[in-house]
Each structure stands twice: as C-alpha cells, then as structure tokens.
Amino acid sequence: MTESAVALMFPGQGSQAVGMLADWALKFPVIEQTFQQASSVLGYDLWKRTQQGPATLLNQTACAQPALLAASVALWRVWQQQKQPNPKLTAGHSLGEYSALVCAGVLDFEAAVWLVAQRGRLMQEAIAAGEGTMVAVLGLSEEQVGKACIRAAQGAIVSAANFNAPGQIVIAGNRVAIERAVEYCRLLGAKRLVPLAVSVPAHCALMKPAAEAFEVLLDQRTFQPPKWPVIHNVDVKPHQKPSAIKTALVSQLYSPVRWQETLCYFRDQGLRQLIELGPGNVLTGLAKRTIPTLPVVSLQPSELNKVNFQ
C-alpha cells in the first residue's frame, strides 16, 4: 500500500454517542468484528453497549475510551479493506492518540483496548465522582483564559486542558474552581461556555496520580516504532523510540492537548487533505476553523452515502 499526502485524525472522548457506527456496520462486517475483538478483552459486549446505551454508562470514562478506540480502529480497517493509501502523518486528540498508535503499528489493538480501559479506570479513580469537570470556552484568547484560571483557582485546580482552535480552549479541574473560572470567563466576554460530556477532568494536575499508576502498566506492554509519524499531543512532535512514546503518553494525562499547533504542523507538511476517522466530526470542525486552506473531510456514519472509496 502506497503512502499519500493525507493525514488521518482520530477523535477523543466526547465524540461517543449511542448508536454510533450502526450504518457502517450494515455495510462493513469488520465494524462489529472489531468491537467483538475489544469485547473479548473487556469481558462485556462493547458493541451492545454502544448501540443500546444508556448514554450515562457509555459516557463513563472507563467505557467511552475503549468504545472510541474500537470505533476509530474499525473505520481504519474499512479504510484498509478499500485499499486506501497509508497516511503521511497521523494524530489523535487525547484518547485518539491511542487509535493513531494502533493504526501506525505501534500497539496491538487488543493491548491498546486493555490499556485504555485501565487508563479510563485510573482516571475515574483519581477524583471522586462529581468533583471534577471540563468546560469548553469559546471566544477568549489563551491569555484571557489563563488569567481566569489563575484567579479562579483559590487553592484548587483549574487550568487549560485543550488548545483546540483559535478561540476554543477547554479548561479542566475541580468543579468548584471550574465554576468560578466560568464566571470570570463570562465577565471577560466569552461567547459560549459548554460543559463537556466527560466524567473526569483530563489533562490537568488532578490526573498526576493516575499517570503514575498508568506508567507502570505501560511498561508491561510492548511498543514498536511507528510505520509513519504520529504527532503527539504534549509536544507536537513525532517519536520513533518506544520509550519516548510511552513517556509522551504518561505526560499526556496531566498536560494540555496542543491540538491547534498539531493542525498547524499538518498544514506546514505539504498535505493535500485531512481525514477524520471516528464517530462525529469534532476534529473536522476544528481543522476548518484553524487551517481553512487545507481540505478536510469527516468519514462518519451520517455521510455513508457520500463516501466514495474508488
């Protein structure tokens, strides 16, 4: 399979939805087969859970993470079956980084399912239910959001977790501090403040205990050098050595996702198109906003009739 001037993007937590990929599964058996493979690792029927819900269960971090990994890998397998070319680059947003690593041959899929399930469990255990949250702040600069977080902390944790696009920054931390930060952002002129469908505050200091425990689990798994560059969230760089990849994955748990910079990196590599593999079109929207001159398409269930693999 040849390489193309295409980058593949894999979404993270928040893109999950009950019924996701149902239309794809009608046409491509590999979709449900991939979920069955994940189910054998998890010990429960992941496909049934994604199709029947309830959403409150699917949105729990320990379930959402393997579900999204399976969804993206399943679509990657469809991509391969249709003999589409290998990408020049890949990247994943937060949890999506694991999808990118699986597709690049760094991690075996079943090992990745186990790891992200443990990752989700450790993140869930790092903070009591309801005490942490994440909110997307629209319409403010990085400097303004940073000032709001500093003012809102008051001994608690609140910080920028995702730099997604110009004017779109996600904050994470203790719920009480987030509530204060939201009010400060509103006073600064934020256009919208959107709570995210997540059950833990990822990419902030509250996740350091989870990262320490997760590092031990990562060391138990074998990683291979990637077949093509995977651009990592924490430093916007590709890493070839398995040890460096593991270090990036540990840091990612408590460090901001530098997605806007990642999209700019894609723009500067001479690509002709970005393609999002996963349910929904969150990353497609961020790319259109950040780098409007680079064509981007979301390979998603609702657009199945528009997909031409020839």
Protein backbone atom coordinates (compact mmCIF):
# COMPACT_ATOMS: atom_id res chain seq x y z
CA MET A 1 0.00 0.00 0.00
CA THR A 2 1.42 3.36 -1.03
CA GLU A 3 1.72 6.47 1.09
CA SER A 4 -0.30 9.56 0.27
CA ALA A 5 -0.18 13.26 1.15
CA VAL A 6 -3.04 12.68 3.58
CA ALA A 7 -3.12 12.94 7.37
CA LEU A 8 -5.59 10.91 9.43
CA MET A 9 -7.06 12.35 12.64
CA PHE A 10 -8.65 10.31 15.42
CA PRO A 11 -11.12 11.90 17.87
CA GLY A 12 -11.08 11.67 21.64
CA GLN A 13 -13.59 11.39 24.41
CA GLY A 14 -16.77 13.36 23.84
CA SER A 15 -17.30 12.06 20.29
CA GLN A 16 -19.06 8.92 21.51
CA ALA A 17 -22.82 8.53 21.02
CA VAL A 18 -25.32 5.74 21.49
CA GLY A 19 -25.85 4.07 18.10
CA MET A 20 -22.54 5.22 16.64
CA LEU A 21 -21.36 3.36 13.51
CA ALA A 22 -24.66 1.46 13.17
CA ASP A 23 -24.96 2.44 9.48
CA TRP A 24 -21.36 1.47 8.81
CA ALA A 25 -21.90 -1.94 10.40
CA LEU A 26 -24.71 -2.72 7.94
CA LYS A 27 -22.27 -2.42 5.05
CA PHE A 28 -18.94 -3.46 6.58
CA PRO A 29 -18.85 -6.55 8.86
CA VAL A 30 -15.39 -5.56 10.09
CA ILE A 31 -17.02 -2.83 12.19
CA GLU A 32 -18.84 -5.21 14.51
CA GLN A 33 -15.96 -7.70 14.33
CA THR A 34 -13.62 -5.06 15.72
CA PHE A 35 -15.98 -4.36 18.62
CA GLN A 36 -16.24 -8.10 19.29
CA GLN A 37 -12.45 -8.27 19.48
CA ALA A 38 -12.48 -5.47 22.03
CA SER A 39 -15.28 -7.17 23.96
CA SER A 40 -13.12 -10.27 24.40
CA VAL A 41 -10.60 -8.11 26.26
CA LEU A 42 -13.11 -6.14 28.30
CA GLY A 43 -15.34 -9.00 29.38
CA TYR A 44 -18.58 -7.35 28.27
CA ASP A 45 -20.36 -6.73 24.96
CA LEU A 46 -18.97 -3.36 23.87
CA TRP A 47 -20.99 -3.25 20.65
CA LYS A 48 -24.25 -3.82 22.53
CA ARG A 49 -23.32 -1.09 24.99
CA THR A 50 -22.56 1.42 22.25
CA GLN A 51 -25.75 0.57 20.37
CA GLN A 52 -28.18 0.35 23.30
CA GLY A 53 -26.61 2.58 25.93
CA PRO A 54 -27.69 4.10 28.17
CA ALA A 55 -25.70 7.24 27.39
CA THR A 56 -24.88 7.74 31.07
CA LEU A 57 -22.99 4.43 31.03
CA LEU A 58 -21.35 4.96 27.64
CA ASN A 59 -20.13 8.39 28.72
CA GLN A 60 -18.31 7.00 31.73
CA THR A 61 -14.59 7.35 31.01
CA ALA A 62 -13.83 3.66 31.56
CA CYS A 63 -16.36 2.75 28.84
CA ALA A 64 -16.09 5.70 26.47
CA GLN A 65 -12.36 5.27 25.94
CA PRO A 66 -12.35 1.66 24.64
CA ALA A 67 -15.55 2.39 22.67
CA LEU A 68 -13.93 5.28 20.83
CA LEU A 69 -10.73 3.33 20.26
CA ALA A 70 -12.74 0.47 18.74
CA ALA A 71 -14.75 2.88 16.58
CA SER A 72 -11.69 4.55 15.09
CA VAL A 73 -9.77 1.30 14.56
CA ALA A 74 -12.85 -0.24 12.93
CA LEU A 75 -13.01 2.65 10.45
CA TRP A 76 -9.28 2.33 9.84
CA ARG A 77 -9.85 -1.32 8.94
CA VAL A 78 -12.57 -0.27 6.49
CA TRP A 79 -10.05 2.21 5.05
CA GLN A 80 -7.57 -0.64 4.60
CA GLN A 81 -10.13 -3.03 3.11
CA GLN A 82 -10.95 -0.41 0.48
CA LYS A 83 -7.24 -0.30 -0.35
CA GLN A 84 -6.83 3.34 0.51
CA PRO A 85 -3.23 4.57 0.79
CA ASN A 86 -1.31 4.82 4.03
CA PRO A 87 -1.26 8.31 5.53
CA LYS A 88 1.78 10.53 5.54
CA LEU A 89 1.03 11.55 9.14
CA THR A 90 -1.47 10.75 11.86
CA ALA A 91 -2.52 12.27 15.16
CA GLY A 92 -5.22 11.68 17.72
CA HIS A 93 -6.88 14.08 20.09
CA SER A 94 -6.29 12.89 23.67
CA LEU A 95 -7.65 9.32 23.77
CA GLY A 96 -7.49 9.37 19.96
CA GLU A 97 -3.71 9.24 20.20
CA TYR A 98 -4.07 5.53 21.03
CA SER A 99 -6.12 4.98 17.87
CA ALA A 100 -3.36 6.67 15.87
CA LEU A 101 -0.72 4.47 17.50
CA VAL A 102 -2.64 1.26 16.78
CA CYS A 103 -3.09 2.21 13.14
CA ALA A 104 0.63 3.05 12.85
CA GLY A 105 1.55 -0.40 14.17
CA VAL A 106 2.96 0.82 17.48
CA LEU A 107 0.48 -1.08 19.63
CA ASP A 108 -1.50 -4.26 19.11
CA PHE A 109 -5.24 -3.46 19.13
CA GLU A 110 -6.10 -5.81 21.99
CA ALA A 111 -3.23 -4.44 24.08
CA ALA A 112 -4.48 -0.92 23.38
CA VAL A 113 -8.03 -1.85 24.42
CA TRP A 114 -6.70 -3.14 27.72
CA LEU A 115 -4.53 -0.06 28.23
CA VAL A 116 -7.24 2.49 27.53
CA ALA A 117 -9.70 0.61 29.75
CA GLN A 118 -7.14 0.77 32.56
CA ARG A 119 -6.39 4.40 31.69
CA GLY A 120 -10.07 5.22 31.98
CA ARG A 121 -10.38 3.33 35.27
CA LEU A 122 -7.38 5.10 36.79
CA MET A 123 -8.65 8.49 35.64
CA GLN A 124 -12.06 7.72 37.14
CA GLU A 125 -10.46 6.70 40.43
CA ALA A 126 -8.19 9.75 40.61
CA ILE A 127 -11.03 12.02 41.71
CA ALA A 128 -14.38 11.41 43.40
CA ALA A 129 -17.42 11.36 41.13
CA GLY A 130 -18.82 14.83 40.54
CA GLU A 131 -15.81 16.70 41.93
CA GLY A 132 -14.16 17.41 38.61
CA THR A 133 -15.33 18.60 35.21
CA MET A 134 -14.32 20.17 31.88
CA VAL A 135 -15.79 23.17 30.05
CA ALA A 136 -15.12 24.50 26.56
CA VAL A 137 -14.52 28.25 26.50
CA LEU A 138 -15.33 29.92 23.18
CA GLY A 139 -14.30 33.40 22.16
CA LEU A 140 -11.41 34.17 24.51
CA SER A 141 -7.63 34.22 23.98
CA GLU A 142 -5.18 31.90 25.69
CA GLU A 143 -4.04 34.81 27.85
CA GLN A 144 -7.57 35.62 28.97
CA VAL A 145 -8.39 32.01 29.82
CA GLY A 146 -5.09 31.69 31.69
CA LYS A 147 -5.87 34.75 33.80
CA ALA A 148 -9.36 33.45 34.57
CA CYS A 149 -7.93 30.11 35.73
CA ILE A 150 -5.33 31.75 37.97
CA ARG A 151 -7.98 33.96 39.55
CA ALA A 152 -10.41 31.05 39.97
CA ALA A 153 -8.01 28.51 41.49
CA GLN A 154 -8.00 29.75 45.08
CA GLY A 155 -6.14 26.65 46.24
CA ALA A 156 -7.97 24.26 43.90
CA ILE A 157 -7.01 23.01 40.43
CA VAL A 158 -8.21 24.66 37.22
CA SER A 159 -6.17 25.07 34.04
CA ALA A 160 -6.30 24.96 30.26
CA ALA A 161 -6.57 21.32 29.16
CA ASN A 162 -7.10 21.52 25.39
CA PHE A 163 -5.93 24.22 23.00
CA ASN A 164 -8.29 23.12 20.24
CA ALA A 165 -8.56 26.02 17.79
CA PRO A 166 -8.38 29.82 17.73
CA GLY A 167 -10.88 30.99 20.33
CA GLN A 168 -11.65 27.48 21.60
CA ILE A 169 -9.93 26.35 24.78
CA VAL A 170 -11.11 23.66 27.18
CA ILE A 171 -10.47 24.06 30.91
CA ALA A 172 -10.36 21.23 33.44
CA GLY A 173 -10.13 20.90 37.20
CA ASN A 174 -12.08 20.80 40.44
CA ARG A 175 -15.74 21.59 39.86
CA VAL A 176 -15.82 24.49 42.33
CA ALA A 177 -12.83 26.12 40.66
CA ILE A 178 -14.26 25.49 37.19
CA GLU A 179 -17.49 27.20 38.24
CA ARG A 180 -15.52 30.26 39.36
CA ALA A 181 -13.48 30.22 36.13
CA VAL A 182 -16.66 30.05 34.07
CA GLU A 183 -17.98 33.19 35.75
CA TYR A 184 -14.68 35.03 35.18
CA CYS A 185 -14.63 33.94 31.53
CA ARG A 186 -18.18 35.19 31.14
CA LEU A 187 -17.14 38.57 32.55
CA LEU A 188 -14.24 38.67 30.10
CA GLY A 189 -16.66 38.29 27.19
CA ALA A 190 -16.67 34.57 26.40
CA LYS A 191 -19.15 33.87 23.59
CA ARG A 192 -20.13 30.44 24.89
CA LEU A 193 -19.24 28.14 27.79
CA VAL A 194 -20.03 24.50 27.05
CA PRO A 195 -19.78 21.67 29.64
CA LEU A 196 -18.26 18.53 28.10
CA ALA A 197 -19.74 15.03 28.21
CA VAL A 198 -16.89 13.59 30.27
CA SER A 199 -16.83 12.13 33.76
CA VAL A 200 -13.30 13.19 34.76
CA PRO A 201 -11.17 16.34 34.36
CA ALA A 202 -8.46 15.15 31.97
CA HIS A 203 -5.20 16.89 31.09
CA CYS A 204 -4.75 18.72 34.37
CA ALA A 205 -2.78 18.20 37.57
CA LEU A 206 -5.60 16.16 39.12
CA MET A 207 -4.57 13.31 36.81
CA LYS A 208 -0.97 13.00 38.07
CA PRO A 209 -1.78 10.08 40.42
CA ALA A 210 -3.44 8.28 37.51
CA ALA A 211 -0.40 8.97 35.32
CA GLU A 212 1.98 7.49 37.88
CA ALA A 213 -0.05 4.28 38.11
CA PHE A 214 -0.54 4.15 34.34
CA GLU A 215 3.20 4.38 33.70
CA VAL A 216 3.65 1.02 35.43
CA LEU A 217 1.03 -0.55 33.15
CA LEU A 218 2.57 0.93 30.00
CA ASP A 219 5.89 -0.67 30.88
CA GLN A 220 4.17 -4.06 30.82
CA ARG A 221 3.27 -3.71 27.14
CA THR A 222 5.44 -3.97 24.05
CA PHE A 223 5.58 -0.97 21.73
CA GLN A 224 7.03 -0.92 18.20
CA PRO A 225 8.42 2.03 16.22
CA PRO A 226 5.62 3.64 14.15
CA LYS A 227 5.25 2.86 10.46
CA TRP A 228 4.64 6.57 9.83
CA PRO A 229 4.90 9.61 12.10
CA VAL A 230 2.33 10.02 14.88
CA ILE A 231 2.26 13.61 16.13
CA HIS A 232 1.92 13.62 19.92
CA ASN A 233 -0.34 15.90 21.94
CA VAL A 234 2.17 17.00 24.55
CA ASP A 235 4.97 18.31 22.32
CA VAL A 236 3.59 18.34 18.74
CA LYS A 237 6.42 16.03 17.63
CA PRO A 238 6.72 12.51 16.23
CA HIS A 239 8.67 9.98 18.27
CA GLN A 240 10.34 6.89 16.89
CA LYS A 241 11.57 5.21 20.06
CA PRO A 242 9.00 3.20 22.05
CA SER A 243 10.37 4.62 25.31
CA ALA A 244 9.75 8.18 24.10
CA ILE A 245 6.22 7.28 23.00
CA LYS A 246 5.43 5.84 26.44
CA THR A 247 6.79 8.97 28.12
CA ALA A 248 4.56 11.14 25.92
CA LEU A 249 1.52 9.04 26.82
CA VAL A 250 2.20 9.38 30.55
CA SER A 251 2.65 13.16 30.31
CA GLN A 252 -0.45 13.46 28.15
CA LEU A 253 -2.69 12.50 31.07
CA TYR A 254 -1.93 15.69 33.01
CA SER A 255 -0.68 18.03 30.24
CA PRO A 256 -2.66 20.17 27.78
CA VAL A 257 -3.56 18.78 24.35
CA ARG A 258 -1.88 21.10 21.86
CA TRP A 259 -4.29 20.41 19.01
CA GLN A 260 -4.22 23.82 17.35
CA GLU A 261 -0.45 23.51 16.99
CA THR A 262 -0.86 19.98 15.66
CA LEU A 263 -3.19 21.22 12.92
CA CYS A 264 -0.69 23.94 12.01
CA TYR A 265 2.03 21.28 11.86
CA PHE A 266 -0.13 19.35 9.38
CA ARG A 267 -0.58 22.49 7.27
CA ASP A 268 3.17 23.01 7.07
CA GLN A 269 3.91 19.45 5.85
CA GLY A 270 2.56 19.84 2.34
CA LEU A 271 -0.52 17.69 2.86
CA ARG A 272 -3.41 17.74 0.39
CA GLN A 273 -6.15 16.58 2.75
CA LEU A 274 -7.06 15.77 6.36
CA ILE A 275 -9.46 12.93 7.09
CA GLU A 276 -11.15 12.28 10.44
CA LEU A 277 -11.69 8.60 11.28
CA GLY A 278 -14.17 8.23 14.10
CA PRO A 279 -17.75 8.95 15.08
CA GLY A 280 -18.83 12.54 14.68
CA ASN A 281 -16.99 15.46 13.11
CA VAL A 282 -15.47 17.38 16.03
CA LEU A 283 -11.93 17.38 14.64
CA THR A 284 -13.17 18.31 11.17
CA GLY A 285 -14.75 21.44 12.58
CA LEU A 286 -11.60 22.36 14.49
CA ALA A 287 -9.48 21.90 11.36
CA LYS A 288 -11.78 24.06 9.21
CA ARG A 289 -11.54 26.78 11.82
CA THR A 290 -7.77 26.58 12.32
CA ILE A 291 -6.43 25.85 8.83
CA PRO A 292 -9.25 26.71 6.37
CA THR A 293 -6.99 26.41 3.31
CA LEU A 294 -6.42 22.66 3.82
CA PRO A 295 -9.31 20.40 2.70
CA VAL A 296 -10.74 18.21 5.46
CA VAL A 297 -13.44 15.55 5.48
CA SER A 298 -15.06 13.51 8.23
CA LEU A 299 -15.60 9.85 7.44
CA GLN A 300 -18.71 9.41 9.58
CA PRO A 301 -21.84 7.25 9.62
CA SER A 302 -24.25 10.04 8.73
CA GLU A 303 -22.34 10.62 5.49
CA LEU A 304 -22.01 6.96 4.46
CA ASN A 305 -23.91 7.55 1.21
CA LYS A 306 -21.41 10.29 0.28
CA VAL A 307 -18.33 8.14 0.74
CA ASN A 308 -16.66 7.03 -2.49
CA PHE A 309 -13.79 4.64 -1.90
CA GLN A 310 -12.94 4.32 -5.58
